[in-house]
Each structure stands twice: as C-alpha cells, then as structure tokens.
C-alpha cells in the first residue's frame, strides 16, 4: 500500500512461447525465470498481492511454489495475437467481483528479470505524486535520427530532415520502453485503447545492463554472463 492505496502486482505468463519452449519456467541462474519477478513483487513492501495470470498449469504450479497467487487466464486471452491489456481487464473484472478494492496495478513482465525493488518503488512514488501511469525506459538501442526506411527500393531517412551522420553526442537523446515495470491506476483500463500508458505519463530510467528483455536463447545466455561477471546479484 502507498498513500493509502492498495497495490496488486500482476505477472502475465502465458504458456505458448515459441522462441524458447516453456520460457517462463526455464531456469535462469538458480531459479525459474518467472520467480525473479515474483520475488521482486514480494520484496516490494508497498505491494499487497502478487498475482500470476496464466493459461498454463505448469507455470501455475511453479508460480505458487514461489509464493504467488495464480489466476487462470481464458485461452482466447493467451494466444500470440492477444494483448496483455485485455488479459488485465479480464483479471480486474474477476477481482472486482471478489470484492478487491485495490487502486493500482504494477505490471511485471516475467521476461525482464533484472529489475530491482527500487525500480518498482520509483515508479510507485511517481504515480502517487500526480502521474496517471509510469513505465521504465532505457537508452534507445538505435537513435531514431539514424533510422532509415526503404521506399520503392530506395533508402530514405525515417525522420524528415534528420542527419544520420552526426556524431552521437550531437543527436537528441532517445529512449525506449524496456518492459520491466508499468504502474497505473486500475480504473485507467476502462478507457478503450491498447496502451497501458495513459494521461500524464512518468518515466523511470534503468541502466542498459538491467534492461535485458529475454526473448530467445541468446538473451538467456547474455543474462547468465551478466549474473556471473557483471556484478549483478542473484
């Protein structure tokens, strides 16, 4: 709870990963990938409940063993095309019917294991300071002023007037979402739009080395190296 408002952490973890089968329960270091997010949620004292939303019984079992509540997601909300926001709306509807009166959701994607409790707290602090939604960002991997598009076989700068040859130091600073933390008021999802970021949006910047979003086996290997040699605590 923060500023008198109950908080629920939600970890969406469907079972249909194609890039790495059973990705969410594959071991990273000495524990399943999903447990990294569960532990952060449980260690953040402001968070009142940690819920895993899944369609997969094996994920559900692992999540419960690591201390999370489990809510089973309908199959049609766990396809490749399904949006996380729709699964959240379904979960909120269920929670409200059960009498849950929480006001804030913290979304913790299981594929971003290196976020910290402090990252979550920074997002929550911004939220109660007057923002409607908050997310974590990292430095952009490619500055948009250096991006190109191909039109009828010919390259053109993606941003009109951009000079991609400029030194990095002269380019405008650019950031991208890293997927580690989203925090927002539950009622904001009543708005029919696909974005989790609505209204006045706040940003928390995370360093590159803790912003890895695991998509494939190479990403697993990168994080294993970071854990072993990068000074990151397991």
C-alpha atoms as a PDB file:
ATOM      1  CA  UNK A   1       0.000   0.000   0.000  1.00  0.00           C
ATOM      2  CA  UNK A   2       1.170   3.513  -0.785  1.00  0.00           C
ATOM      3  CA  UNK A   3      -0.580   6.767   0.120  1.00  0.00           C
ATOM      4  CA  UNK A   4      -3.460   4.647   1.406  1.00  0.00           C
ATOM      5  CA  UNK A   5      -3.928   2.864  -1.930  1.00  0.00           C
ATOM      6  CA  UNK A   6      -3.802  -0.923  -2.254  1.00  0.00           C
ATOM      7  CA  UNK A   7      -1.474  -2.280  -4.921  1.00  0.00           C
ATOM      8  CA  UNK A   8      -1.557  -5.511  -6.891  1.00  0.00           C
ATOM      9  CA  UNK A   9       1.434  -6.774  -8.861  1.00  0.00           C
ATOM     10  CA  UNK A  10       0.451  -8.782 -11.928  1.00  0.00           C
ATOM     11  CA  UNK A  11       2.848 -11.056 -13.773  1.00  0.00           C
ATOM     12  CA  UNK A  12       1.408 -12.164 -17.146  1.00  0.00           C
ATOM     13  CA  UNK A  13       2.856 -15.514 -18.163  1.00  0.00           C
ATOM     14  CA  UNK A  14       1.211 -17.471 -20.933  1.00  0.00           C
ATOM     15  CA  UNK A  15       2.476 -20.930 -21.814  1.00  0.00           C
ATOM     16  CA  UNK A  16       2.782 -20.674 -25.594  1.00  0.00           C
ATOM     17  CA  UNK A  17       6.311 -19.367 -26.080  1.00  0.00           C
ATOM     18  CA  UNK A  18       7.678 -20.451 -29.460  1.00  0.00           C
ATOM     19  CA  UNK A  19      11.162 -18.892 -29.325  1.00  0.00           C
ATOM     20  CA  UNK A  20      12.056 -20.839 -26.170  1.00  0.00           C
ATOM     21  CA  UNK A  21       9.612 -23.602 -25.160  1.00  0.00           C
ATOM     22  CA  UNK A  22       8.499 -23.221 -21.521  1.00  0.00           C
ATOM     23  CA  UNK A  23      10.470 -19.973 -21.409  1.00  0.00           C
ATOM     24  CA  UNK A  24       8.775 -18.568 -18.314  1.00  0.00           C
ATOM     25  CA  UNK A  25       9.817 -21.545 -16.176  1.00  0.00           C
ATOM     26  CA  UNK A  26      13.225 -22.194 -17.762  1.00  0.00           C
ATOM     27  CA  UNK A  27      15.965 -21.792 -15.163  1.00  0.00           C
ATOM     28  CA  UNK A  28      17.954 -18.577 -15.090  1.00  0.00           C
ATOM     29  CA  UNK A  29      20.760 -18.849 -12.593  1.00  0.00           C
ATOM     30  CA  UNK A  30      19.440 -20.988  -9.780  1.00  0.00           C
ATOM     31  CA  UNK A  31      15.696 -20.461 -10.248  1.00  0.00           C
ATOM     32  CA  UNK A  32      12.909 -20.347 -12.859  1.00  0.00           C
ATOM     33  CA  UNK A  33      12.683 -17.162 -14.897  1.00  0.00           C
ATOM     34  CA  UNK A  34       9.246 -16.242 -13.551  1.00  0.00           C
ATOM     35  CA  UNK A  35      10.430 -16.460  -9.944  1.00  0.00           C
ATOM     36  CA  UNK A  36      12.688 -13.433 -10.432  1.00  0.00           C
ATOM     37  CA  UNK A  37       9.626 -11.238 -10.973  1.00  0.00           C
ATOM     38  CA  UNK A  38       7.658 -12.918  -8.186  1.00  0.00           C
ATOM     39  CA  UNK A  39      10.487 -12.252  -5.721  1.00  0.00           C
ATOM     40  CA  UNK A  40      10.697  -8.571  -6.619  1.00  0.00           C
ATOM     41  CA  UNK A  41       6.943  -8.231  -6.186  1.00  0.00           C
ATOM     42  CA  UNK A  42       7.001  -9.946  -2.809  1.00  0.00           C
ATOM     43  CA  UNK A  43      10.005  -7.928  -1.589  1.00  0.00           C
ATOM     44  CA  UNK A  44       8.403  -4.598  -2.508  1.00  0.00           C
ATOM     45  CA  UNK A  45       6.684  -3.781   0.785  1.00  0.00           C
ATOM     46  CA  UNK A  46       4.186  -1.431  -0.853  1.00  0.00           C
ATOM     47  CA  UNK A  47       2.681  -4.278  -2.894  1.00  0.00           C
ATOM     48  CA  UNK A  48      -0.234  -6.063  -1.225  1.00  0.00           C
ATOM     49  CA  UNK A  49      -0.739  -9.012  -3.589  1.00  0.00           C
ATOM     50  CA  UNK A  50       1.382 -10.725  -6.249  1.00  0.00           C
ATOM     51  CA  UNK A  51      -0.687 -12.469  -8.915  1.00  0.00           C
ATOM     52  CA  UNK A  52       0.443 -14.564 -11.866  1.00  0.00           C
ATOM     53  CA  UNK A  53      -2.032 -14.604 -14.758  1.00  0.00           C
ATOM     54  CA  UNK A  54      -1.534 -17.727 -16.847  1.00  0.00           C
ATOM     55  CA  UNK A  55      -3.235 -20.310 -19.015  1.00  0.00           C
ATOM     56  CA  UNK A  56      -0.618 -22.948 -18.245  1.00  0.00           C
ATOM     57  CA  UNK A  57      -0.832 -25.448 -15.371  1.00  0.00           C
ATOM     58  CA  UNK A  58       2.927 -25.968 -15.142  1.00  0.00           C
ATOM     59  CA  UNK A  59       3.558 -22.232 -14.884  1.00  0.00           C
ATOM     60  CA  UNK A  60       0.784 -22.014 -12.293  1.00  0.00           C
ATOM     61  CA  UNK A  61       2.412 -24.720 -10.186  1.00  0.00           C
ATOM     62  CA  UNK A  62       5.857 -23.077 -10.315  1.00  0.00           C
ATOM     63  CA  UNK A  63       4.372 -19.659  -9.507  1.00  0.00           C
ATOM     64  CA  UNK A  64       2.537 -20.985  -6.463  1.00  0.00           C
ATOM     65  CA  UNK A  65       5.655 -22.729  -5.174  1.00  0.00           C
ATOM     66  CA  UNK A  66       7.459 -19.389  -5.296  1.00  0.00           C
ATOM     67  CA  UNK A  67       4.778 -17.555  -3.360  1.00  0.00           C
ATOM     68  CA  UNK A  68       2.470 -16.015  -5.965  1.00  0.00           C
ATOM     69  CA  UNK A  69      -1.285 -16.266  -6.247  1.00  0.00           C
ATOM     70  CA  UNK A  70      -2.482 -17.689  -9.551  1.00  0.00           C
ATOM     71  CA  UNK A  71      -5.470 -16.638 -11.642  1.00  0.00           C
ATOM     72  CA  UNK A  72      -6.170 -18.736 -14.704  1.00  0.00           C
ATOM     73  CA  UNK A  73      -6.438 -16.786 -17.932  1.00  0.00           C
ATOM     74  CA  UNK A  74      -9.024 -17.773 -20.575  1.00  0.00           C
ATOM     75  CA  UNK A  75      -7.449 -19.456 -23.594  1.00  0.00           C
ATOM     76  CA  UNK A  76      -8.583 -16.752 -26.010  1.00  0.00           C
ATOM     77  CA  UNK A  77      -6.552 -14.231 -23.982  1.00  0.00           C
ATOM     78  CA  UNK A  78      -3.381 -16.322 -24.193  1.00  0.00           C
ATOM     79  CA  UNK A  79      -2.852 -16.543 -27.968  1.00  0.00           C
ATOM     80  CA  UNK A  80       0.011 -14.960 -29.919  1.00  0.00           C
ATOM     81  CA  UNK A  81      -2.345 -12.193 -31.030  1.00  0.00           C
ATOM     82  CA  UNK A  82      -3.901 -11.495 -27.613  1.00  0.00           C
ATOM     83  CA  UNK A  83      -2.971  -8.230 -25.877  1.00  0.00           C
ATOM     84  CA  UNK A  84      -1.808  -8.144 -22.267  1.00  0.00           C
ATOM     85  CA  UNK A  85      -4.164  -5.235 -21.610  1.00  0.00           C
ATOM     86  CA  UNK A  86      -7.178  -7.434 -22.437  1.00  0.00           C
ATOM     87  CA  UNK A  87      -5.968 -10.120 -20.019  1.00  0.00           C
ATOM     88  CA  UNK A  88      -5.597  -7.404 -17.371  1.00  0.00           C
ATOM     89  CA  UNK A  89      -9.135  -6.166 -17.956  1.00  0.00           C
ATOM     90  CA  UNK A  90     -10.428  -9.711 -17.548  1.00  0.00           C
ATOM     91  CA  UNK A  91      -8.439 -10.165 -14.330  1.00  0.00           C
ATOM     92  CA  UNK A  92      -9.631  -6.845 -12.910  1.00  0.00           C
ATOM     93  CA  UNK A  93     -13.234  -7.806 -13.614  1.00  0.00           C
ATOM     94  CA  UNK A  94     -12.725 -11.040 -11.668  1.00  0.00           C
ATOM     95  CA  UNK A  95     -11.007  -9.281  -8.776  1.00  0.00           C
ATOM     96  CA  UNK A  96     -13.740  -6.665  -8.506  1.00  0.00           C
ATOM     97  CA  UNK A  97     -16.387  -9.406  -8.355  1.00  0.00           C
ATOM     98  CA  UNK A  98     -14.420 -10.925  -5.484  1.00  0.00           C
ATOM     99  CA  UNK A  99     -14.502  -7.611  -3.615  1.00  0.00           C
ATOM    100  CA  UNK A 100     -10.929  -6.475  -4.259  1.00  0.00           C
ATOM    101  CA  UNK A 101     -10.730  -2.678  -3.949  1.00  0.00           C
ATOM    102  CA  UNK A 102      -7.105  -2.106  -4.985  1.00  0.00           C
ATOM    103  CA  UNK A 103      -6.456   1.078  -6.972  1.00  0.00           C
ATOM    104  CA  UNK A 104      -3.035   0.454  -8.513  1.00  0.00           C
ATOM    105  CA  UNK A 105      -1.584  -2.285 -10.701  1.00  0.00           C
ATOM    106  CA  UNK A 106       2.124  -2.889 -11.144  1.00  0.00           C
ATOM    107  CA  UNK A 107       2.768  -4.981 -14.251  1.00  0.00           C
ATOM    108  CA  UNK A 108       5.951  -7.056 -14.062  1.00  0.00           C
ATOM    109  CA  UNK A 109       6.754  -8.889 -17.277  1.00  0.00           C
ATOM    110  CA  UNK A 110       8.443 -12.227 -16.432  1.00  0.00           C
ATOM    111  CA  UNK A 111      10.948 -11.740 -19.256  1.00  0.00           C
ATOM    112  CA  UNK A 112      12.622  -8.773 -17.506  1.00  0.00           C
ATOM    113  CA  UNK A 113      14.295 -10.468 -14.540  1.00  0.00           C
ATOM    114  CA  UNK A 114      16.900  -7.844 -13.600  1.00  0.00           C
ATOM    115  CA  UNK A 115      14.627  -5.060 -12.393  1.00  0.00           C
ATOM    116  CA  UNK A 116      15.042  -4.209  -8.716  1.00  0.00           C
ATOM    117  CA  UNK A 117      12.709  -3.409  -5.842  1.00  0.00           C
ATOM    118  CA  UNK A 118      13.984   0.163  -6.098  1.00  0.00           C
ATOM    119  CA  UNK A 119      12.903   0.376  -9.758  1.00  0.00           C
ATOM    120  CA  UNK A 120       9.370  -0.619  -8.728  1.00  0.00           C
ATOM    121  CA  UNK A 121       9.316   1.845  -5.837  1.00  0.00           C
ATOM    122  CA  UNK A 122      10.450   4.728  -8.042  1.00  0.00           C
ATOM    123  CA  UNK A 123       7.517   4.036 -10.377  1.00  0.00           C
ATOM    124  CA  UNK A 124       5.045   3.937  -7.487  1.00  0.00           C
ATOM    125  CA  UNK A 125       6.409   7.141  -5.997  1.00  0.00           C
ATOM    126  CA  UNK A 126       5.918   8.968  -9.291  1.00  0.00           C
ATOM    127  CA  UNK A 127       2.424   7.565  -9.629  1.00  0.00           C
ATOM    128  CA  UNK A 128       1.226   8.967  -6.310  1.00  0.00           C
ATOM    129  CA  UNK A 129       2.945  12.293  -6.991  1.00  0.00           C
ATOM    130  CA  UNK A 130       0.368  13.067  -9.657  1.00  0.00           C
ATOM    131  CA  UNK A 131       1.106  10.906 -12.678  1.00  0.00           C
ATOM    132  CA  UNK A 132      -1.582   8.694 -14.216  1.00  0.00           C
ATOM    133  CA  UNK A 133       0.809   5.983 -15.379  1.00  0.00           C
ATOM    134  CA  UNK A 134       4.540   5.298 -15.164  1.00  0.00           C
ATOM    135  CA  UNK A 135       6.924   2.989 -17.016  1.00  0.00           C
ATOM    136  CA  UNK A 136      10.602   2.105 -17.072  1.00  0.00           C
ATOM    137  CA  UNK A 137      12.799   3.105 -20.003  1.00  0.00           C
ATOM    138  CA  UNK A 138      16.354   2.582 -21.228  1.00  0.00           C
ATOM    139  CA  UNK A 139      18.572   4.404 -23.710  1.00  0.00           C
ATOM    140  CA  UNK A 140      17.348   3.631 -27.219  1.00  0.00           C
ATOM    141  CA  UNK A 141      19.314   0.904 -28.973  1.00  0.00           C
ATOM    142  CA  UNK A 142      19.030   2.877 -32.208  1.00  0.00           C
ATOM    143  CA  UNK A 143      18.586   6.623 -32.174  1.00  0.00           C
ATOM    144  CA  UNK A 144      15.580   7.354 -34.453  1.00  0.00           C
ATOM    145  CA  UNK A 145      17.638  10.047 -36.204  1.00  0.00           C
ATOM    146  CA  UNK A 146      19.802   7.214 -37.527  1.00  0.00           C
ATOM    147  CA  UNK A 147      16.890   5.054 -38.687  1.00  0.00           C
ATOM    148  CA  UNK A 148      16.051   4.532 -42.356  1.00  0.00           C
ATOM    149  CA  UNK A 149      13.110   3.297 -44.366  1.00  0.00           C
ATOM    150  CA  UNK A 150      13.130   1.744 -47.832  1.00  0.00           C
ATOM    151  CA  UNK A 151      10.649   3.320 -50.268  1.00  0.00           C
ATOM    152  CA  UNK A 152      10.343   1.676 -53.686  1.00  0.00           C
ATOM    153  CA  UNK A 153      13.791   0.169 -53.186  1.00  0.00           C
ATOM    154  CA  UNK A 154      15.437   3.448 -52.164  1.00  0.00           C
ATOM    155  CA  UNK A 155      16.638   4.330 -48.636  1.00  0.00           C
ATOM    156  CA  UNK A 156      15.259   7.467 -47.002  1.00  0.00           C
ATOM    157  CA  UNK A 157      15.858   8.820 -43.522  1.00  0.00           C
ATOM    158  CA  UNK A 158      12.988   7.805 -41.268  1.00  0.00           C
ATOM    159  CA  UNK A 159      12.624  11.274 -39.753  1.00  0.00           C
ATOM    160  CA  UNK A 160      12.367  14.032 -42.342  1.00  0.00           C
ATOM    161  CA  UNK A 161      15.352  16.349 -42.107  1.00  0.00           C
ATOM    162  CA  UNK A 162      17.375  14.031 -39.870  1.00  0.00           C
ATOM    163  CA  UNK A 163      21.148  13.904 -40.388  1.00  0.00           C
ATOM    164  CA  UNK A 164      22.203  10.349 -39.512  1.00  0.00           C
ATOM    165  CA  UNK A 165      25.894  11.175 -39.974  1.00  0.00           C
ATOM    166  CA  UNK A 166      26.038  13.438 -36.936  1.00  0.00           C
ATOM    167  CA  UNK A 167      28.239  12.338 -34.019  1.00  0.00           C
ATOM    168  CA  UNK A 168      26.296  10.514 -31.311  1.00  0.00           C
ATOM    169  CA  UNK A 169      26.907  13.373 -28.897  1.00  0.00           C
ATOM    170  CA  UNK A 170      25.039  15.789 -31.175  1.00  0.00           C
ATOM    171  CA  UNK A 171      21.965  13.644 -31.645  1.00  0.00           C
ATOM    172  CA  UNK A 172      18.917  14.301 -29.434  1.00  0.00           C
ATOM    173  CA  UNK A 173      18.701  11.859 -26.534  1.00  0.00           C
ATOM    174  CA  UNK A 174      16.359   8.957 -27.284  1.00  0.00           C
ATOM    175  CA  UNK A 175      14.821   6.317 -25.038  1.00  0.00           C
ATOM    176  CA  UNK A 176      12.706   3.201 -25.429  1.00  0.00           C
ATOM    177  CA  UNK A 177      10.482   1.169 -23.144  1.00  0.00           C
ATOM    178  CA  UNK A 178      12.347  -1.730 -21.566  1.00  0.00           C
ATOM    179  CA  UNK A 179       9.251  -3.642 -20.374  1.00  0.00           C
ATOM    180  CA  UNK A 180      10.457  -4.055 -16.788  1.00  0.00           C
ATOM    181  CA  UNK A 181       7.797  -2.110 -14.853  1.00  0.00           C
ATOM    182  CA  UNK A 182       4.483  -0.485 -15.669  1.00  0.00           C
ATOM    183  CA  UNK A 183       2.439   1.149 -12.915  1.00  0.00           C
ATOM    184  CA  UNK A 184      -1.011   2.636 -13.408  1.00  0.00           C
ATOM    185  CA  UNK A 185      -4.387   3.152 -11.799  1.00  0.00           C
ATOM    186  CA  UNK A 186      -6.742   0.253 -12.390  1.00  0.00           C
ATOM    187  CA  UNK A 187      -9.592   2.492 -13.468  1.00  0.00           C
ATOM    188  CA  UNK A 188      -7.490   3.793 -16.366  1.00  0.00           C
ATOM    189  CA  UNK A 189      -8.062   0.476 -18.151  1.00  0.00           C
ATOM    190  CA  UNK A 190     -11.700   1.385 -18.578  1.00  0.00           C
ATOM    191  CA  UNK A 191     -10.537   3.565 -21.445  1.00  0.00           C
ATOM    192  CA  UNK A 192     -10.803   1.601 -24.700  1.00  0.00           C
ATOM    193  CA  UNK A 193      -7.271   1.859 -26.040  1.00  0.00           C
ATOM    194  CA  UNK A 194      -4.397  -0.636 -26.405  1.00  0.00           C
ATOM    195  CA  UNK A 195      -1.916   1.379 -24.327  1.00  0.00           C
ATOM    196  CA  UNK A 196      -1.014   0.874 -20.689  1.00  0.00           C
ATOM    197  CA  UNK A 197       0.310   4.429 -20.613  1.00  0.00           C
ATOM    198  CA  UNK A 198      -2.467   6.992 -20.395  1.00  0.00           C
ATOM    199  CA  UNK A 199      -2.901  10.533 -19.154  1.00  0.00           C
ATOM    200  CA  UNK A 200       0.153  12.162 -17.605  1.00  0.00           C
ATOM    201  CA  UNK A 201       2.949   9.617 -18.062  1.00  0.00           C
ATOM    202  CA  UNK A 202       6.041   9.391 -15.875  1.00  0.00           C
ATOM    203  CA  UNK A 203       9.372   7.731 -16.722  1.00  0.00           C
ATOM    204  CA  UNK A 204      11.969   5.873 -14.669  1.00  0.00           C
ATOM    205  CA  UNK A 205      15.279   5.290 -16.452  1.00  0.00           C
ATOM    206  CA  UNK A 206      17.023   1.964 -15.920  1.00  0.00           C
ATOM    207  CA  UNK A 207      20.599   1.117 -16.957  1.00  0.00           C
ATOM    208  CA  UNK A 208      21.225  -0.990 -20.040  1.00  0.00           C
ATOM    209  CA  UNK A 209      22.681  -3.920 -18.090  1.00  0.00           C
ATOM    210  CA  UNK A 210      19.472  -4.406 -16.100  1.00  0.00           C
ATOM    211  CA  UNK A 211      17.125  -3.785 -19.032  1.00  0.00           C
ATOM    212  CA  UNK A 212      17.515  -7.102 -20.844  1.00  0.00           C
ATOM    213  CA  UNK A 213      14.167  -8.426 -22.084  1.00  0.00           C
ATOM    214  CA  UNK A 214      14.552 -12.167 -22.603  1.00  0.00           C
ATOM    215  CA  UNK A 215      13.107 -13.293 -25.927  1.00  0.00           C
ATOM    216  CA  UNK A 216      15.361 -16.118 -27.079  1.00  0.00           C
ATOM    217  CA  UNK A 217      18.185 -18.429 -26.001  1.00  0.00           C
ATOM    218  CA  UNK A 218      20.817 -15.790 -26.768  1.00  0.00           C
ATOM    219  CA  UNK A 219      19.157 -13.426 -24.299  1.00  0.00           C
ATOM    220  CA  UNK A 220      19.269 -16.158 -21.651  1.00  0.00           C
ATOM    221  CA  UNK A 221      22.995 -16.550 -22.287  1.00  0.00           C
ATOM    222  CA  UNK A 222      23.581 -12.796 -22.065  1.00  0.00           C
ATOM    223  CA  UNK A 223      21.845 -12.565 -18.693  1.00  0.00           C
ATOM    224  CA  UNK A 224      23.746 -15.608 -17.402  1.00  0.00           C
ATOM    225  CA  UNK A 225      27.009 -13.809 -18.275  1.00  0.00           C
ATOM    226  CA  UNK A 226      25.784 -10.592 -16.627  1.00  0.00           C
ATOM    227  CA  UNK A 227      24.930 -12.516 -13.474  1.00  0.00           C
ATOM    228  CA  UNK A 228      28.290 -14.272 -13.427  1.00  0.00           C
ATOM    229  CA  UNK A 229      30.628 -11.462 -14.419  1.00  0.00           C
ATOM    230  CA  UNK A 230      28.634  -8.246 -14.309  1.00  0.00           C
ATOM    231  CA  UNK A 231      28.339  -7.860 -10.567  1.00  0.00           C
ATOM    232  CA  UNK A 232      24.557  -8.314 -10.616  1.00  0.00           C
ATOM    233  CA  UNK A 233      23.207 -10.016  -7.506  1.00  0.00           C
ATOM    234  CA  UNK A 234      21.132 -13.171  -7.938  1.00  0.00           C
END
